Amino acid sequence: MTTFDNPATVPAPPAGRYSHVARIELGDRTMLVLSGQVAIDGEGRLVGEDDMRAQSAYVLDTIEKILAAHGATLGDVVNIRTFLTDMDRIGEYGEVRVPRFAGAPPTSTTVEVSRLFVPGALLEVEVTAIV
């Protein structure tokens, strides 16, 4: 069974165009597939303009809140996909991301894109977790 959710602990998706998370029940396990997250607040404003560290922290905080609403943590993440608008800034992202994942890091894909759906957004991150 699959259910879709938008936890009240994070800003709702713009105009209800998508869900933040799909929860897929797999017997005694649950898979959580999160939509890509960007650094926009509840009023739709960009957080941390031209600041990769600030945007990275905001995005990962949002992901943690979505996971927590479903009984999961970053430790349950098995895959992370990151879209950067400037691959030269991957080190700044890594400074924020790496300390948040204790133990074996999840599988990962990082690609550079020409732009994201929010003007000024420097990255978008989506994850899959198993709990």
C-alpha atoms as a PDB file:
ATOM      1  CA  MET A   1       0.000   0.000   0.000  1.00  0.00           C
ATOM      2  CA  THR A   2       1.204   3.514  -0.847  1.00  0.00           C
ATOM      3  CA  THR A   3       0.131   6.705   0.883  1.00  0.00           C
ATOM      4  CA  PHE A   4       1.192  10.270   0.165  1.00  0.00           C
ATOM      5  CA  ASP A   5       1.789  12.879   2.841  1.00  0.00           C
ATOM      6  CA  ASN A   6       2.717  16.492   3.494  1.00  0.00           C
ATOM      7  CA  PRO A   7       3.741  16.700   7.175  1.00  0.00           C
ATOM      8  CA  ALA A   8       2.588  19.821   9.010  1.00  0.00           C
ATOM      9  CA  THR A   9       6.149  20.282  10.316  1.00  0.00           C
ATOM     10  CA  VAL A  10       7.363  21.633   6.950  1.00  0.00           C
ATOM     11  CA  PRO A  11       5.994  24.174   4.453  1.00  0.00           C
ATOM     12  CA  ALA A  12       3.386  22.681   2.133  1.00  0.00           C
ATOM     13  CA  PRO A  13       4.328  22.113  -1.499  1.00  0.00           C
ATOM     14  CA  PRO A  14       3.428  25.046  -3.759  1.00  0.00           C
ATOM     15  CA  ALA A  15      -0.223  24.971  -4.795  1.00  0.00           C
ATOM     16  CA  GLY A  16      -0.498  21.272  -3.890  1.00  0.00           C
ATOM     17  CA  ARG A  17       1.367  20.260  -7.046  1.00  0.00           C
ATOM     18  CA  TYR A  18       3.048  17.249  -5.426  1.00  0.00           C
ATOM     19  CA  SER A  19       3.438  15.400  -2.133  1.00  0.00           C
ATOM     20  CA  HIS A  20       6.552  15.638   0.042  1.00  0.00           C
ATOM     21  CA  VAL A  21       6.679  11.904   0.683  1.00  0.00           C
ATOM     22  CA  ALA A  22       5.348   8.615  -0.598  1.00  0.00           C
ATOM     23  CA  ARG A  23       5.127   5.977   2.150  1.00  0.00           C
ATOM     24  CA  ILE A  24       5.241   2.462   0.727  1.00  0.00           C
ATOM     25  CA  GLU A  25       4.470  -0.438   3.055  1.00  0.00           C
ATOM     26  CA  LEU A  26       6.628  -3.484   2.273  1.00  0.00           C
ATOM     27  CA  GLY A  27       5.559  -6.106   4.793  1.00  0.00           C
ATOM     28  CA  ASP A  28       7.526  -5.410   7.980  1.00  0.00           C
ATOM     29  CA  ARG A  29       9.467  -2.547   6.361  1.00  0.00           C
ATOM     30  CA  THR A  30       8.457   0.860   5.064  1.00  0.00           C
ATOM     31  CA  MET A  31      10.072   2.740   2.200  1.00  0.00           C
ATOM     32  CA  LEU A  32       9.891   6.528   2.206  1.00  0.00           C
ATOM     33  CA  VAL A  33      10.496   8.314  -1.092  1.00  0.00           C
ATOM     34  CA  LEU A  34      10.863  12.062  -0.633  1.00  0.00           C
ATOM     35  CA  SER A  35      10.332  14.690  -3.286  1.00  0.00           C
ATOM     36  CA  GLY A  36      13.228  16.986  -4.028  1.00  0.00           C
ATOM     37  CA  GLN A  37      13.580  19.730  -1.439  1.00  0.00           C
ATOM     38  CA  VAL A  38      14.835  23.245  -2.035  1.00  0.00           C
ATOM     39  CA  ALA A  39      15.474  26.052   0.436  1.00  0.00           C
ATOM     40  CA  ILE A  40      12.107  27.832   0.384  1.00  0.00           C
ATOM     41  CA  ASP A  41      10.265  28.825   3.522  1.00  0.00           C
ATOM     42  CA  GLY A  42       6.548  28.724   4.316  1.00  0.00           C
ATOM     43  CA  GLU A  43       5.968  31.989   2.438  1.00  0.00           C
ATOM     44  CA  GLY A  44       7.728  30.693  -0.677  1.00  0.00           C
ATOM     45  CA  ARG A  45      10.840  32.828  -0.099  1.00  0.00           C
ATOM     46  CA  LEU A  46      14.311  31.549  -0.862  1.00  0.00           C
ATOM     47  CA  VAL A  47      16.419  30.920   2.251  1.00  0.00           C
ATOM     48  CA  GLY A  48      20.140  31.774   2.042  1.00  0.00           C
ATOM     49  CA  GLU A  49      20.434  33.595  -1.268  1.00  0.00           C
ATOM     50  CA  ASP A  50      23.758  32.643  -2.911  1.00  0.00           C
ATOM     51  CA  ASP A  51      24.791  30.787   0.270  1.00  0.00           C
ATOM     52  CA  MET A  52      25.310  27.081  -0.456  1.00  0.00           C
ATOM     53  CA  ARG A  53      25.886  26.201   3.199  1.00  0.00           C
ATOM     54  CA  ALA A  54      22.718  27.950   4.390  1.00  0.00           C
ATOM     55  CA  GLN A  55      20.608  26.399   1.621  1.00  0.00           C
ATOM     56  CA  SER A  56      22.125  22.960   2.262  1.00  0.00           C
ATOM     57  CA  ALA A  57      21.393  23.183   5.993  1.00  0.00           C
ATOM     58  CA  TYR A  58      17.811  24.322   5.375  1.00  0.00           C
ATOM     59  CA  VAL A  59      17.185  21.537   2.857  1.00  0.00           C
ATOM     60  CA  LEU A  60      18.637  18.829   5.119  1.00  0.00           C
ATOM     61  CA  ASP A  61      16.682  20.191   8.100  1.00  0.00           C
ATOM     62  CA  THR A  62      13.503  19.949   6.029  1.00  0.00           C
ATOM     63  CA  ILE A  63      14.334  16.388   4.998  1.00  0.00           C
ATOM     64  CA  GLU A  64      14.941  15.465   8.639  1.00  0.00           C
ATOM     65  CA  LYS A  65      11.532  16.877   9.607  1.00  0.00           C
ATOM     66  CA  ILE A  66       9.750  14.950   6.855  1.00  0.00           C
ATOM     67  CA  LEU A  67      11.514  11.733   7.837  1.00  0.00           C
ATOM     68  CA  ALA A  68      10.761  12.304  11.542  1.00  0.00           C
ATOM     69  CA  ALA A  69       7.047  12.652  10.759  1.00  0.00           C
ATOM     70  CA  HIS A  70       7.254   9.035   9.567  1.00  0.00           C
ATOM     71  CA  GLY A  71       9.440   7.672  12.360  1.00  0.00           C
ATOM     72  CA  ALA A  72      12.687   7.842  10.393  1.00  0.00           C
ATOM     73  CA  THR A  73      16.032   9.656  10.606  1.00  0.00           C
ATOM     74  CA  LEU A  74      18.874  10.412   8.237  1.00  0.00           C
ATOM     75  CA  GLY A  75      20.335   7.112   9.459  1.00  0.00           C
ATOM     76  CA  ASP A  76      17.531   5.328   7.584  1.00  0.00           C
ATOM     77  CA  VAL A  77      18.413   6.986   4.265  1.00  0.00           C
ATOM     78  CA  VAL A  78      19.655   4.473   1.677  1.00  0.00           C
ATOM     79  CA  ASN A  79      19.956   6.827  -1.299  1.00  0.00           C
ATOM     80  CA  ILE A  80      20.434  10.554  -1.755  1.00  0.00           C
ATOM     81  CA  ARG A  81      20.172  12.429  -5.042  1.00  0.00           C
ATOM     82  CA  THR A  82      21.465  15.962  -5.301  1.00  0.00           C
ATOM     83  CA  PHE A  83      21.061  18.461  -8.101  1.00  0.00           C
ATOM     84  CA  LEU A  84      23.507  21.380  -7.969  1.00  0.00           C
ATOM     85  CA  THR A  85      23.459  24.460 -10.174  1.00  0.00           C
ATOM     86  CA  ASP A  86      27.250  24.807  -9.812  1.00  0.00           C
ATOM     87  CA  MET A  87      29.375  21.702  -9.300  1.00  0.00           C
ATOM     88  CA  ASP A  88      32.271  23.926  -8.219  1.00  0.00           C
ATOM     89  CA  ARG A  89      30.335  24.442  -4.954  1.00  0.00           C
ATOM     90  CA  ILE A  90      30.022  20.740  -4.091  1.00  0.00           C
ATOM     91  CA  GLY A  91      32.586  21.146  -1.308  1.00  0.00           C
ATOM     92  CA  GLU A  92      30.371  23.684   0.483  1.00  0.00           C
ATOM     93  CA  TYR A  93      27.446  21.259   0.267  1.00  0.00           C
ATOM     94  CA  GLY A  94      29.637  18.421   1.521  1.00  0.00           C
ATOM     95  CA  GLU A  95      30.690  20.457   4.573  1.00  0.00           C
ATOM     96  CA  VAL A  96      27.040  20.499   5.650  1.00  0.00           C
ATOM     97  CA  ARG A  97      25.965  17.066   4.429  1.00  0.00           C
ATOM     98  CA  VAL A  98      28.795  14.758   5.515  1.00  0.00           C
ATOM     99  CA  PRO A  99      28.567  15.384   9.301  1.00  0.00           C
ATOM    100  CA  ARG A 100      24.840  14.582   9.284  1.00  0.00           C
ATOM    101  CA  PHE A 101      25.315  10.995   8.110  1.00  0.00           C
ATOM    102  CA  ALA A 102      26.928   8.867  10.834  1.00  0.00           C
ATOM    103  CA  GLY A 103      28.172   5.409   9.940  1.00  0.00           C
ATOM    104  CA  ALA A 104      28.185   4.118   6.395  1.00  0.00           C
ATOM    105  CA  PRO A 105      27.037   6.848   4.012  1.00  0.00           C
ATOM    106  CA  PRO A 106      24.032   6.167   1.764  1.00  0.00           C
ATOM    107  CA  THR A 107      24.369   5.571  -1.940  1.00  0.00           C
ATOM    108  CA  SER A 108      24.532   8.881  -3.752  1.00  0.00           C
ATOM    109  CA  THR A 109      24.144  10.616  -7.076  1.00  0.00           C
ATOM    110  CA  THR A 110      25.066  14.262  -7.618  1.00  0.00           C
ATOM    111  CA  VAL A 111      24.574  16.040 -10.913  1.00  0.00           C
ATOM    112  CA  GLU A 112      24.869  19.596 -12.156  1.00  0.00           C
ATOM    113  CA  VAL A 113      21.796  21.191 -13.694  1.00  0.00           C
ATOM    114  CA  SER A 114      21.413  24.517 -15.450  1.00  0.00           C
ATOM    115  CA  ARG A 115      18.690  25.734 -13.082  1.00  0.00           C
ATOM    116  CA  LEU A 116      16.031  24.670 -10.609  1.00  0.00           C
ATOM    117  CA  PHE A 117      12.340  25.549 -10.395  1.00  0.00           C
ATOM    118  CA  VAL A 118      12.975  28.222  -7.738  1.00  0.00           C
ATOM    119  CA  PRO A 119      15.077  31.131  -9.040  1.00  0.00           C
ATOM    120  CA  GLY A 120      18.262  31.394  -6.974  1.00  0.00           C
ATOM    121  CA  ALA A 121      18.055  27.878  -5.559  1.00  0.00           C
ATOM    122  CA  LEU A 122      21.526  26.345  -5.607  1.00  0.00           C
ATOM    123  CA  LEU A 123      20.541  22.751  -4.906  1.00  0.00           C
ATOM    124  CA  GLU A 124      17.672  20.303  -4.702  1.00  0.00           C
ATOM    125  CA  VAL A 125      17.945  17.103  -2.670  1.00  0.00           C
ATOM    126  CA  GLU A 126      15.738  14.013  -2.645  1.00  0.00           C
ATOM    127  CA  VAL A 127      16.170  10.881  -0.555  1.00  0.00           C
ATOM    128  CA  THR A 128      14.862   7.354  -0.166  1.00  0.00           C
ATOM    129  CA  ALA A 129      14.749   5.762   3.291  1.00  0.00           C
ATOM    130  CA  ILE A 130      13.874   2.294   4.579  1.00  0.00           C
ATOM    131  CA  VAL A 131      12.495   1.871   8.118  1.00  0.00           C
END
